[in-house]
Protein backbone atom coordinates (compact mmCIF):
# COMPACT_ATOMS: atom_id res chain seq x y z
CA MET A 1 69.19 -10.49 103.37
CA ARG A 2 65.74 -11.96 104.02
CA PHE A 3 63.19 -12.82 101.40
CA SER A 4 60.00 -14.68 101.54
CA LEU A 5 58.95 -17.77 99.65
CA LEU A 6 55.38 -17.31 100.08
CA PRO A 7 54.81 -14.49 97.54
CA LYS A 8 56.61 -16.85 94.94
CA GLU A 9 54.25 -19.64 96.15
CA MET A 10 51.14 -17.68 95.86
CA ARG A 11 51.74 -15.98 92.74
CA PHE A 12 50.81 -19.80 90.78
CA PHE A 13 47.12 -19.35 92.28
CA GLU A 14 46.83 -15.83 90.77
CA LEU A 15 48.37 -17.39 87.63
CA PHE A 16 45.86 -19.86 87.45
CA ASP A 17 43.12 -17.56 88.65
CA GLY A 18 44.36 -15.62 85.50
CA VAL A 19 43.65 -18.43 83.25
CA GLY A 20 40.39 -19.27 84.75
CA ALA A 21 39.07 -15.70 83.80
CA ILE A 22 40.17 -15.95 80.25
CA LEU A 23 38.42 -19.31 79.89
CA THR A 24 35.35 -17.99 81.53
CA ARG A 25 35.41 -14.68 79.27
CA ALA A 26 36.47 -16.62 76.11
CA SER A 27 33.34 -19.24 76.74
CA GLY A 28 30.82 -16.53 76.97
CA LYS A 29 31.96 -14.94 73.78
CA PHE A 30 31.68 -18.56 72.35
CA VAL A 31 27.96 -18.76 73.29
CA ALA A 32 27.59 -15.41 71.83
CA MET A 33 29.04 -16.59 68.80
CA VAL A 34 26.69 -19.30 68.15
CA THR A 35 23.52 -17.44 69.21
CA GLU A 36 24.28 -14.09 67.27
CA TRP A 37 25.07 -15.96 64.38
CA GLN A 38 25.12 -12.75 62.11
CA LYS A 39 28.50 -11.59 63.68
CA LEU A 40 30.13 -15.00 63.21
CA GLY A 41 33.48 -13.35 61.82
CA GLU A 42 33.91 -10.98 64.57
CA TRP A 43 33.61 -13.54 67.42
CA SER A 44 36.02 -16.12 66.02
CA TYR A 45 38.61 -12.95 65.87
CA GLU A 46 37.86 -12.57 69.52
CA LEU A 47 38.47 -16.07 70.49
CA ARG A 48 41.61 -15.94 68.64
CA GLN A 49 42.61 -13.48 70.68
CA GLU A 50 41.44 -15.20 73.95
CA GLU A 51 43.73 -18.00 72.75
CA HIS A 52 46.81 -15.87 72.24
CA ALA A 53 46.13 -14.66 75.74
CA CYS A 54 45.83 -17.97 77.38
CA ASP A 55 48.73 -19.00 75.37
CA GLU A 56 50.86 -16.31 76.97
CA ALA A 57 49.29 -17.03 80.68
CA VAL A 58 50.19 -20.30 80.47
CA GLU A 59 53.89 -19.46 79.20
CA LYS A 60 53.97 -17.37 82.63
CA ILE A 61 53.06 -20.38 84.58
CA VAL A 62 55.71 -22.46 82.89
CA LYS A 63 58.45 -19.90 83.48
CA ALA A 64 57.15 -19.32 87.12
CA LEU A 65 57.65 -23.15 87.62
CA ASP A 66 61.19 -23.20 86.19
CA ARG A 67 62.14 -20.31 88.37
CA SER A 68 60.63 -21.51 91.63
CA PHE A 69 61.97 -23.88 94.41
CA ILE A 70 58.92 -23.96 96.35
CA THR A 71 55.64 -24.71 94.75
CA PRO A 72 51.75 -24.81 96.26
CA PHE A 73 51.48 -28.58 95.15
CA ASP A 74 53.41 -31.02 92.95
CA ARG A 75 55.37 -29.38 89.75
CA GLU A 76 54.47 -32.19 87.75
CA ASP A 77 50.62 -31.33 88.41
CA ILE A 78 51.18 -27.48 87.81
CA HIS A 79 52.68 -28.23 84.47
CA THR A 80 49.93 -30.72 83.66
CA LEU A 81 47.16 -28.60 85.12
CA ALA A 82 48.54 -25.50 82.75
CA THR A 83 48.86 -27.65 79.92
CA LEU A 84 45.55 -29.05 79.94
CA LEU A 85 43.69 -25.55 80.48
CA ASP A 86 45.55 -24.40 77.22
CA ASP A 87 43.72 -27.54 75.78
CA VAL A 88 40.51 -26.22 76.59
CA MET A 89 40.92 -22.83 75.12
CA ASP A 90 42.81 -24.57 72.00
CA ASN A 91 39.77 -26.58 71.42
CA MET A 92 37.06 -23.82 71.75
CA GLU A 93 39.17 -21.48 69.32
CA GLU A 94 39.21 -24.48 66.92
CA THR A 95 35.80 -24.95 67.10
CA ALA A 96 35.03 -21.59 66.26
CA HIS A 97 37.52 -21.35 63.51
CA ARG A 98 35.60 -24.66 61.91
CA PHE A 99 32.07 -22.65 62.11
CA VAL A 100 34.05 -20.02 60.00
CA VAL A 101 35.91 -21.91 57.28
CA PHE A 102 33.10 -24.47 57.02
CA ARG A 103 30.44 -21.60 55.85
CA ILE A 104 27.94 -23.06 58.15
CA GLU A 105 24.60 -20.94 57.35
CA GLN A 106 23.08 -21.12 60.84
CA PRO A 107 23.78 -23.09 64.28
CA THR A 108 21.57 -26.13 65.23
CA SER A 109 20.06 -26.40 68.60
CA ALA A 110 22.48 -28.88 69.70
CA ALA A 111 25.49 -26.73 68.96
CA VAL A 112 23.88 -24.07 71.00
CA VAL A 113 23.18 -26.74 73.93
CA LEU A 114 26.96 -27.58 73.78
CA ALA A 115 28.10 -24.45 73.58
CA ARG A 116 26.34 -23.53 76.83
CA ILE A 117 27.43 -26.64 78.64
CA ILE A 118 31.16 -25.63 77.75
CA GLN A 119 30.48 -22.01 79.25
CA ASP A 120 29.21 -23.80 82.47
CA CYS A 121 32.00 -25.92 82.62
CA CYS A 122 34.75 -23.23 82.31
CA VAL A 123 32.69 -21.24 85.16
CA HIS A 124 33.09 -24.54 87.32
CA LEU A 125 36.68 -24.70 86.48
CA ALA A 126 37.38 -21.28 87.34
CA GLY A 127 35.61 -21.84 90.49
CA ALA A 128 37.81 -24.97 91.56
CA LEU A 129 40.71 -23.13 90.34
CA SER A 130 39.85 -20.25 92.69
CA SER A 131 39.21 -22.36 95.52
CA LEU A 132 42.92 -24.22 95.29
CA ARG A 133 44.14 -21.51 97.40
CA SER A 134 42.65 -22.75 100.45
CA LEU A 135 42.15 -26.94 100.44
CA LYS A 136 40.61 -26.34 103.90
CA ASN A 137 37.17 -26.01 101.78
CA VAL A 138 37.37 -29.35 100.02
CA GLU A 139 33.52 -29.47 99.67
CA GLU A 140 33.56 -26.50 97.36
CA ILE A 141 36.01 -27.52 95.11
CA GLN A 142 34.27 -31.13 94.83
CA LEU A 143 30.97 -29.11 94.07
CA HIS A 144 32.42 -27.48 90.87
CA LEU A 145 34.30 -31.10 89.89
CA ARG A 146 30.86 -32.84 90.42
CA GLU A 147 28.95 -30.24 88.29
CA ILE A 148 31.75 -30.63 85.39
CA GLY A 149 31.09 -34.46 85.45
CA ARG A 150 27.48 -34.07 85.31
CA LEU A 151 28.08 -31.34 82.54
CA GLU A 152 30.24 -33.84 80.51
CA ASN A 153 27.62 -36.57 81.01
CA GLU A 154 25.05 -34.45 79.24
CA ALA A 155 27.38 -33.38 76.56
CA ASP A 156 27.88 -37.01 75.73
CA ARG A 157 24.18 -37.45 75.66
CA VAL A 158 23.60 -34.44 73.32
CA TYR A 159 26.52 -35.46 71.03
CA ARG A 160 25.10 -39.05 70.61
CA ASP A 161 21.63 -37.73 69.96
CA SER A 162 22.71 -35.25 67.44
CA ASP A 163 25.11 -37.68 65.67
CA SER A 164 22.14 -40.11 65.43
CA ALA A 165 19.65 -37.29 63.89
CA LEU A 166 22.25 -36.58 61.32
CA PHE A 167 21.88 -40.19 60.03
CA ALA A 168 18.43 -40.37 60.59
CA ASN A 169 17.61 -37.62 58.52
CA PRO A 170 20.65 -36.95 56.50
CA PRO A 171 21.36 -33.44 55.05
CA ASP A 172 23.57 -32.79 51.98
CA ILE A 173 26.56 -35.15 52.49
CA LEU A 174 28.87 -32.53 52.74
CA LEU A 175 26.87 -30.75 55.05
CA LEU A 176 26.68 -33.87 57.20
CA ILE A 177 30.74 -34.29 57.35
CA LYS A 178 30.63 -30.69 58.60
CA TRP A 179 28.66 -30.99 61.21
CA ARG A 180 30.08 -34.39 62.49
CA GLU A 181 33.23 -32.68 62.69
CA ILE A 182 31.87 -29.62 64.80
CA TYR A 183 29.80 -31.99 67.00
CA GLY A 184 33.06 -34.02 67.60
CA TRP A 185 35.10 -30.64 68.33
CA LEU A 186 32.46 -29.36 70.83
CA GLU A 187 32.36 -32.66 72.60
CA GLU A 188 36.20 -32.68 72.93
CA THR A 189 36.20 -29.41 74.32
CA VAL A 190 33.81 -30.61 77.09
CA ASP A 191 36.16 -33.70 77.73
CA ALA A 192 39.14 -31.48 77.78
CA CYS A 193 37.04 -29.58 80.80
CA LYS A 194 36.57 -32.96 82.29
CA ASP A 195 40.42 -33.74 82.33
CA VAL A 196 41.36 -30.77 83.73
CA ALA A 197 38.84 -31.44 86.68
CA GLN A 198 40.53 -34.62 87.00
CA VAL A 199 43.80 -33.26 87.69
CA ILE A 200 42.33 -30.87 90.05
CA SER A 201 40.66 -33.87 91.77
CA GLU A 202 43.92 -35.33 92.18
CA ILE A 203 45.89 -32.54 93.59
CA VAL A 204 42.98 -31.95 96.13
CA ILE A 205 43.44 -35.84 97.33
CA LYS A 206 47.31 -35.43 97.48
CA GLY A 207 46.74 -32.09 99.62
CA SER A 208 43.94 -33.74 101.90
């Protein structure tokens, strides 16, 4: 009986595209959360559902990896990429959760800026993942990765400025503690995007 290994190989790209779509959609909801503050609980619930969807999508990748003899790139890289993509979604959902449980009355302008940076990073991650189907257009992938690097640097600047502002004009001590933790989670979410970009870069180098 004849069979083709190609569909099994190509399904990894479809699965990664699915995760990229989830991150793009979730990051849009995250931005909506910090800009439509009156619907905080609703958006938090939506992001929790996206986190569950991402868990399921990553589980499919891991199961497909266990069942496949031929993979489009290194098995270890596939596993690492899937795990780090899940970290991005986990961090985003954890940040949303803290907005709710900390009972923050309103977002800061810095939080909105960082949320938009996270959204831009997720869009570029989805673009880079989609471009992995063909390593012939390496420049397109590198363009997405460079943008993520630029956004990560911008996020670092916003985080440092926000942290400095908290101590320059300290609010209530409890509020200061809350915002320091939230800013930390926002920055870590961007850092998680940069970690994914690094793995994609390594995959491109190996495949070139």
